[in-house]
Amino acid sequence: MEIDKSYYMINKSKLILVTILYVMVNLLSNNVISQTENTYENLLVLYVNEDYKNCFNKSLKYTVKDKTKKDPLPYLFASKASYEMSQDHKYTEEFPKARKTALSYAAKYRKKDKEYLFKEDAEEFLNDFKINIIEELENHLQEGTDKTYSKAVGLTKKTCDIDPDDIGAKLLYSILCTITKNKTNAKEYLKLCIPKLEEYEKNKFSLKYMSESQQLFLRYAIMEYAKYYKEKDAAKSKKMMEYGKPLFYEENDFSKIEYNMDYKFLFDDFK
């Protein structure tokens, strides 16, 4: 029987191609693993034992070493340790900017962990941190001075960096940029929010996929936006409230935050 040599040549080429692809995939996989194979149990032990100063200092060393500076976890531990120190007066003298440092390293952590591979390690901490942030933001906005608005802008931008999926934080940043005359950023961030807000208007189950802090930021941001435009552009204000009506107007089974009547009262003012 005559052998079809062309058939074997084609399949040999396919085999070579598959082999090359297999090698490339493995090389890429090994590269990713080499950046994340260290579980940093030493940092975890220090953190759990409340040795926050040493946890922070050791974390910083990893962030500057060539072999570990791309790893997300040292940045996360630096943020967590710094945040804990910001909550304890005994660290105030040595670490007077601990809270600001915690914000900075939380943002750096998320920049390193774009795919949120360490969500299990970070989610609870970042959620609690953001809840703390929104309390501070409320105080800044209630005071309503140029200085406090400026602080609120910076704080909200950091929140966007800490949690890139937080639409409420982006919306709040947009309205604060409007208030502080940064029209370019205001438009840019509002444009990012609108498609998601349109989804929320059609689906009350959207809350199911948000963390507690994301829900808080979204409700707060929508209401602040509506309040700002209530006298300036009532139609724009009302439309923003309509986006969130399925989520916040009445009690929602998927809500992780305490229901209050504020959203309902503000919405009904437009009737």
Protein backbone atom coordinates (compact mmCIF):
# COMPACT_ATOMS: atom_id res chain seq x y z
CA MET A 1 0.00 0.00 0.00
CA GLU A 2 1.37 3.41 -0.95
CA ILE A 3 1.97 5.76 1.98
CA ASP A 4 0.68 9.33 1.71
CA LYS A 5 3.78 11.26 2.82
CA SER A 6 1.99 14.62 2.73
CA TYR A 7 -0.45 13.34 5.39
CA TYR A 8 2.43 12.52 7.75
CA MET A 9 4.21 15.77 7.05
CA ILE A 10 1.07 17.78 7.94
CA ASN A 11 0.52 15.86 11.16
CA LYS A 12 4.18 16.14 12.08
CA SER A 13 3.90 19.91 11.70
CA LYS A 14 0.80 19.92 13.90
CA LEU A 15 2.63 17.90 16.53
CA ILE A 16 5.54 20.34 16.54
CA LEU A 17 3.15 23.30 16.83
CA VAL A 18 1.26 21.69 19.74
CA THR A 19 4.57 20.93 21.49
CA ILE A 20 5.73 24.53 21.12
CA LEU A 21 2.42 25.82 22.49
CA TYR A 22 2.61 23.39 25.42
CA VAL A 23 6.12 24.57 26.31
CA MET A 24 5.09 28.22 26.06
CA VAL A 25 2.05 27.71 28.32
CA ASN A 26 4.18 25.96 30.92
CA LEU A 27 6.79 28.67 30.84
CA LEU A 28 4.13 31.33 31.34
CA SER A 29 2.54 29.31 34.13
CA ASN A 30 5.86 28.89 35.88
CA ASN A 31 6.46 32.62 35.62
CA VAL A 32 3.15 33.36 37.34
CA ILE A 33 3.77 30.77 40.02
CA SER A 34 7.25 32.11 40.71
CA GLN A 35 5.64 35.44 41.65
CA THR A 36 3.04 33.94 43.97
CA GLU A 37 4.46 30.69 45.37
CA ASN A 38 5.50 32.36 48.64
CA THR A 39 2.52 32.28 51.00
CA TYR A 40 4.23 34.70 53.41
CA GLU A 41 3.25 32.69 56.45
CA ASN A 42 5.83 34.63 58.47
CA LEU A 43 3.87 37.83 57.81
CA LEU A 44 0.62 36.10 58.66
CA VAL A 45 2.00 34.87 61.98
CA LEU A 46 3.20 38.35 62.90
CA TYR A 47 -0.15 39.85 61.95
CA VAL A 48 -2.20 37.25 63.85
CA ASN A 49 0.05 37.74 66.89
CA GLU A 50 -0.66 41.48 66.65
CA ASP A 51 3.01 42.25 66.09
CA TYR A 52 1.99 44.94 63.62
CA LYS A 53 5.21 46.93 63.63
CA ASN A 54 7.37 43.95 62.64
CA CYS A 55 4.73 42.75 60.20
CA PHE A 56 4.75 46.14 58.50
CA ASN A 57 8.55 46.47 58.41
CA LYS A 58 9.09 42.95 57.06
CA SER A 59 6.37 43.48 54.46
CA LEU A 60 8.14 46.59 53.20
CA LYS A 61 11.37 44.64 52.72
CA TYR A 62 9.59 42.22 50.40
CA THR A 63 8.17 45.08 48.35
CA VAL A 64 11.65 46.29 47.38
CA LYS A 65 13.39 42.96 46.72
CA ASP A 66 13.63 42.00 43.06
CA LYS A 67 12.31 38.47 43.65
CA THR A 68 9.25 39.51 45.63
CA LYS A 69 8.39 43.10 44.68
CA LYS A 70 5.78 41.87 42.17
CA ASP A 71 4.01 39.68 44.72
CA PRO A 72 0.71 41.19 45.91
CA LEU A 73 0.66 39.74 49.44
CA PRO A 74 3.44 41.86 51.00
CA TYR A 75 1.52 44.99 49.96
CA LEU A 76 -1.64 43.58 51.51
CA PHE A 77 0.09 42.76 54.79
CA ALA A 78 1.73 46.20 54.82
CA SER A 79 -1.70 47.76 54.49
CA LYS A 80 -3.33 45.54 57.11
CA ALA A 81 -0.56 46.07 59.65
CA SER A 82 -0.49 49.81 59.05
CA TYR A 83 -4.25 50.05 59.36
CA GLU A 84 -4.16 48.27 62.73
CA MET A 85 -1.45 50.64 63.93
CA SER A 86 -3.60 53.60 62.88
CA GLN A 87 -6.28 52.31 65.26
CA ASP A 88 -3.96 52.17 68.29
CA HIS A 89 -2.65 55.32 69.96
CA LYS A 90 0.56 53.62 71.07
CA TYR A 91 1.79 53.77 67.47
CA THR A 92 0.84 57.40 66.84
CA GLU A 93 4.23 58.93 67.60
CA GLU A 94 6.28 56.44 65.56
CA PHE A 95 3.74 56.01 62.74
CA PRO A 96 1.77 59.29 62.58
CA LYS A 97 0.66 58.64 58.98
CA ALA A 98 -0.28 54.98 59.46
CA ARG A 99 -3.79 55.38 58.06
CA LYS A 100 -2.58 57.18 54.95
CA THR A 101 0.06 54.48 54.52
CA ALA A 102 -2.58 51.78 54.87
CA LEU A 103 -4.60 53.39 52.08
CA SER A 104 -1.57 53.66 49.85
CA TYR A 105 -0.54 50.03 50.26
CA ALA A 106 -4.09 48.77 49.86
CA ALA A 107 -4.20 50.52 46.49
CA LYS A 108 -0.77 49.12 45.56
CA TYR A 109 -1.96 45.66 46.53
CA ARG A 110 -4.95 45.81 44.16
CA LYS A 111 -2.72 47.14 41.40
CA LYS A 112 -0.49 44.08 41.83
CA ASP A 113 -3.45 41.71 42.16
CA LYS A 114 -5.39 42.80 39.07
CA GLU A 115 -7.17 39.45 38.77
CA TYR A 116 -8.00 39.45 42.51
CA LEU A 117 -6.36 36.06 42.98
CA PHE A 118 -6.02 36.70 46.70
CA LYS A 119 -9.62 37.79 47.20
CA GLU A 120 -10.04 35.30 50.04
CA ASP A 121 -7.14 36.93 51.91
CA ALA A 122 -8.13 40.52 51.19
CA GLU A 123 -11.89 40.85 50.80
CA GLU A 124 -12.94 41.11 54.44
CA PHE A 125 -10.18 43.57 55.29
CA LEU A 126 -10.84 45.81 52.28
CA ASN A 127 -14.57 45.73 52.92
CA ASP A 128 -14.11 46.82 56.55
CA PHE A 129 -11.58 49.45 55.54
CA LYS A 130 -13.99 50.92 53.00
CA ILE A 131 -16.83 51.04 55.53
CA ASN A 132 -14.49 53.02 57.76
CA ILE A 133 -13.65 55.29 54.83
CA ILE A 134 -17.27 56.10 54.05
CA GLU A 135 -17.79 57.25 57.64
CA GLU A 136 -14.89 59.66 57.19
CA LEU A 137 -16.27 60.82 53.84
CA GLU A 138 -19.65 61.58 55.38
CA ASN A 139 -17.95 63.85 57.93
CA HIS A 140 -15.99 65.66 55.21
CA LEU A 141 -19.08 66.25 53.09
CA GLN A 142 -21.19 67.39 56.01
CA GLU A 143 -18.58 70.02 56.84
CA GLY A 144 -18.66 71.10 53.19
CA THR A 145 -15.60 73.37 53.01
CA ASP A 146 -13.09 73.59 50.17
CA LYS A 147 -10.56 71.82 52.37
CA THR A 148 -12.84 68.94 53.33
CA TYR A 149 -14.07 68.50 49.75
CA SER A 150 -10.45 68.27 48.64
CA LYS A 151 -9.79 65.60 51.26
CA ALA A 152 -12.91 63.73 50.18
CA VAL A 153 -11.78 63.72 46.55
CA GLY A 154 -8.43 62.16 47.43
CA LEU A 155 -10.00 59.63 49.76
CA THR A 156 -12.60 58.58 47.21
CA LYS A 157 -10.00 58.20 44.46
CA LYS A 158 -8.02 55.86 46.73
CA THR A 159 -11.19 53.89 47.32
CA CYS A 160 -11.60 53.47 43.56
CA ASP A 161 -8.04 52.15 43.42
CA ILE A 162 -8.62 49.80 46.36
CA ASP A 163 -11.78 48.36 44.80
CA PRO A 164 -11.92 48.88 41.02
CA ASP A 165 -15.30 47.11 40.91
CA ASP A 166 -16.97 49.62 43.22
CA ILE A 167 -19.32 51.62 40.98
CA GLY A 168 -20.56 53.66 43.92
CA ALA A 169 -17.05 54.86 44.71
CA LYS A 170 -16.57 55.85 41.06
CA LEU A 171 -19.88 57.71 41.03
CA LEU A 172 -19.03 59.53 44.24
CA TYR A 173 -15.62 60.46 42.82
CA SER A 174 -17.37 61.83 39.73
CA ILE A 175 -19.69 64.09 41.69
CA LEU A 176 -16.86 65.27 43.97
CA CYS A 177 -14.80 66.12 40.89
CA THR A 178 -17.77 68.15 39.63
CA ILE A 179 -17.97 70.00 42.94
CA THR A 180 -14.22 70.72 42.91
CA LYS A 181 -14.29 71.87 39.27
CA ASN A 182 -12.45 68.89 37.76
CA LYS A 183 -14.86 68.43 34.85
CA THR A 184 -12.62 66.07 32.87
CA ASN A 185 -12.41 63.43 35.60
CA ALA A 186 -16.06 63.97 36.49
CA LYS A 187 -17.18 63.11 32.95
CA GLU A 188 -14.72 60.24 32.60
CA TYR A 189 -15.86 58.49 35.77
CA LEU A 190 -19.56 59.14 35.20
CA LYS A 191 -19.20 57.56 31.77
CA LEU A 192 -17.78 54.44 33.44
CA CYS A 193 -20.73 54.28 35.82
CA ILE A 194 -23.74 54.79 33.56
CA PRO A 195 -23.79 51.33 31.86
CA LYS A 196 -23.72 49.63 35.25
CA LEU A 197 -26.35 51.98 36.68
CA GLU A 198 -28.59 51.15 33.73
CA GLU A 199 -28.17 47.46 34.58
CA TYR A 200 -29.11 48.11 38.21
CA GLU A 201 -32.28 49.94 37.16
CA LYS A 202 -33.47 46.77 35.41
CA ASN A 203 -32.35 44.19 37.95
CA LYS A 204 -33.04 44.36 41.67
CA PHE A 205 -30.90 41.24 42.14
CA SER A 206 -27.76 43.25 41.39
CA LEU A 207 -27.20 43.73 45.13
CA LYS A 208 -26.55 40.00 45.43
CA TYR A 209 -23.18 40.43 43.74
CA MET A 210 -22.02 43.47 45.77
CA SER A 211 -20.13 43.53 49.04
CA GLU A 212 -21.48 45.45 52.00
CA SER A 213 -19.16 48.37 51.35
CA GLN A 214 -20.07 48.46 47.66
CA GLN A 215 -23.75 48.68 48.56
CA LEU A 216 -23.06 51.47 51.05
CA PHE A 217 -21.01 53.46 48.57
CA LEU A 218 -23.60 53.04 45.83
CA ARG A 219 -26.55 54.18 47.93
CA TYR A 220 -24.58 57.08 49.37
CA ALA A 221 -23.21 58.17 45.99
CA ILE A 222 -26.58 58.11 44.22
CA MET A 223 -28.14 60.21 46.97
CA GLU A 224 -25.27 62.71 47.02
CA TYR A 225 -25.49 63.03 43.24
CA ALA A 226 -29.24 63.59 43.43
CA LYS A 227 -28.93 66.17 46.21
CA TYR A 228 -26.28 68.10 44.30
CA TYR A 229 -28.38 68.34 41.11
CA LYS A 230 -31.79 68.67 42.78
CA GLU A 231 -31.93 72.44 42.30
CA LYS A 232 -29.52 72.66 39.36
CA ASP A 233 -31.09 69.95 37.15
CA ALA A 234 -34.07 68.16 38.66
CA ALA A 235 -34.46 65.79 35.71
CA LYS A 236 -30.86 64.60 35.99
CA SER A 237 -31.26 64.22 39.73
CA LYS A 238 -34.47 62.20 39.40
CA LYS A 239 -32.96 59.92 36.76
CA MET A 240 -30.05 59.09 39.05
CA MET A 241 -32.48 58.16 41.81
CA GLU A 242 -34.40 55.94 39.39
CA TYR A 243 -31.24 53.95 38.68
CA GLY A 244 -31.09 52.88 42.30
CA LYS A 245 -34.82 52.57 43.01
CA PRO A 246 -35.00 48.75 42.55
CA LEU A 247 -32.10 48.36 44.98
CA PHE A 248 -32.79 50.86 47.76
CA TYR A 249 -36.34 52.25 47.60
CA GLU A 250 -37.82 49.27 49.42
CA GLU A 251 -36.25 46.50 51.47
CA ASN A 252 -34.25 44.14 49.28
CA ASP A 253 -33.61 40.50 50.22
CA PHE A 254 -30.06 40.75 48.88
CA SER A 255 -29.13 43.84 50.85
CA LYS A 256 -26.18 43.49 53.22
CA ILE A 257 -26.77 46.94 54.73
CA GLU A 258 -29.43 48.13 57.11
CA TYR A 259 -32.50 49.50 55.38
CA ASN A 260 -33.52 53.08 56.10
CA MET A 261 -36.16 55.36 54.64
CA ASP A 262 -33.80 58.10 53.46
CA TYR A 263 -33.66 56.87 49.88
CA LYS A 264 -37.44 56.53 49.69
CA PHE A 265 -38.02 60.01 51.13
CA LEU A 266 -35.56 61.63 48.72
CA PHE A 267 -37.01 59.75 45.74
CA ASP A 268 -40.59 60.71 46.67
CA ASP A 269 -39.60 64.39 46.75
CA PHE A 270 -39.42 64.25 42.95
CA LYS A 271 -43.02 63.15 42.53
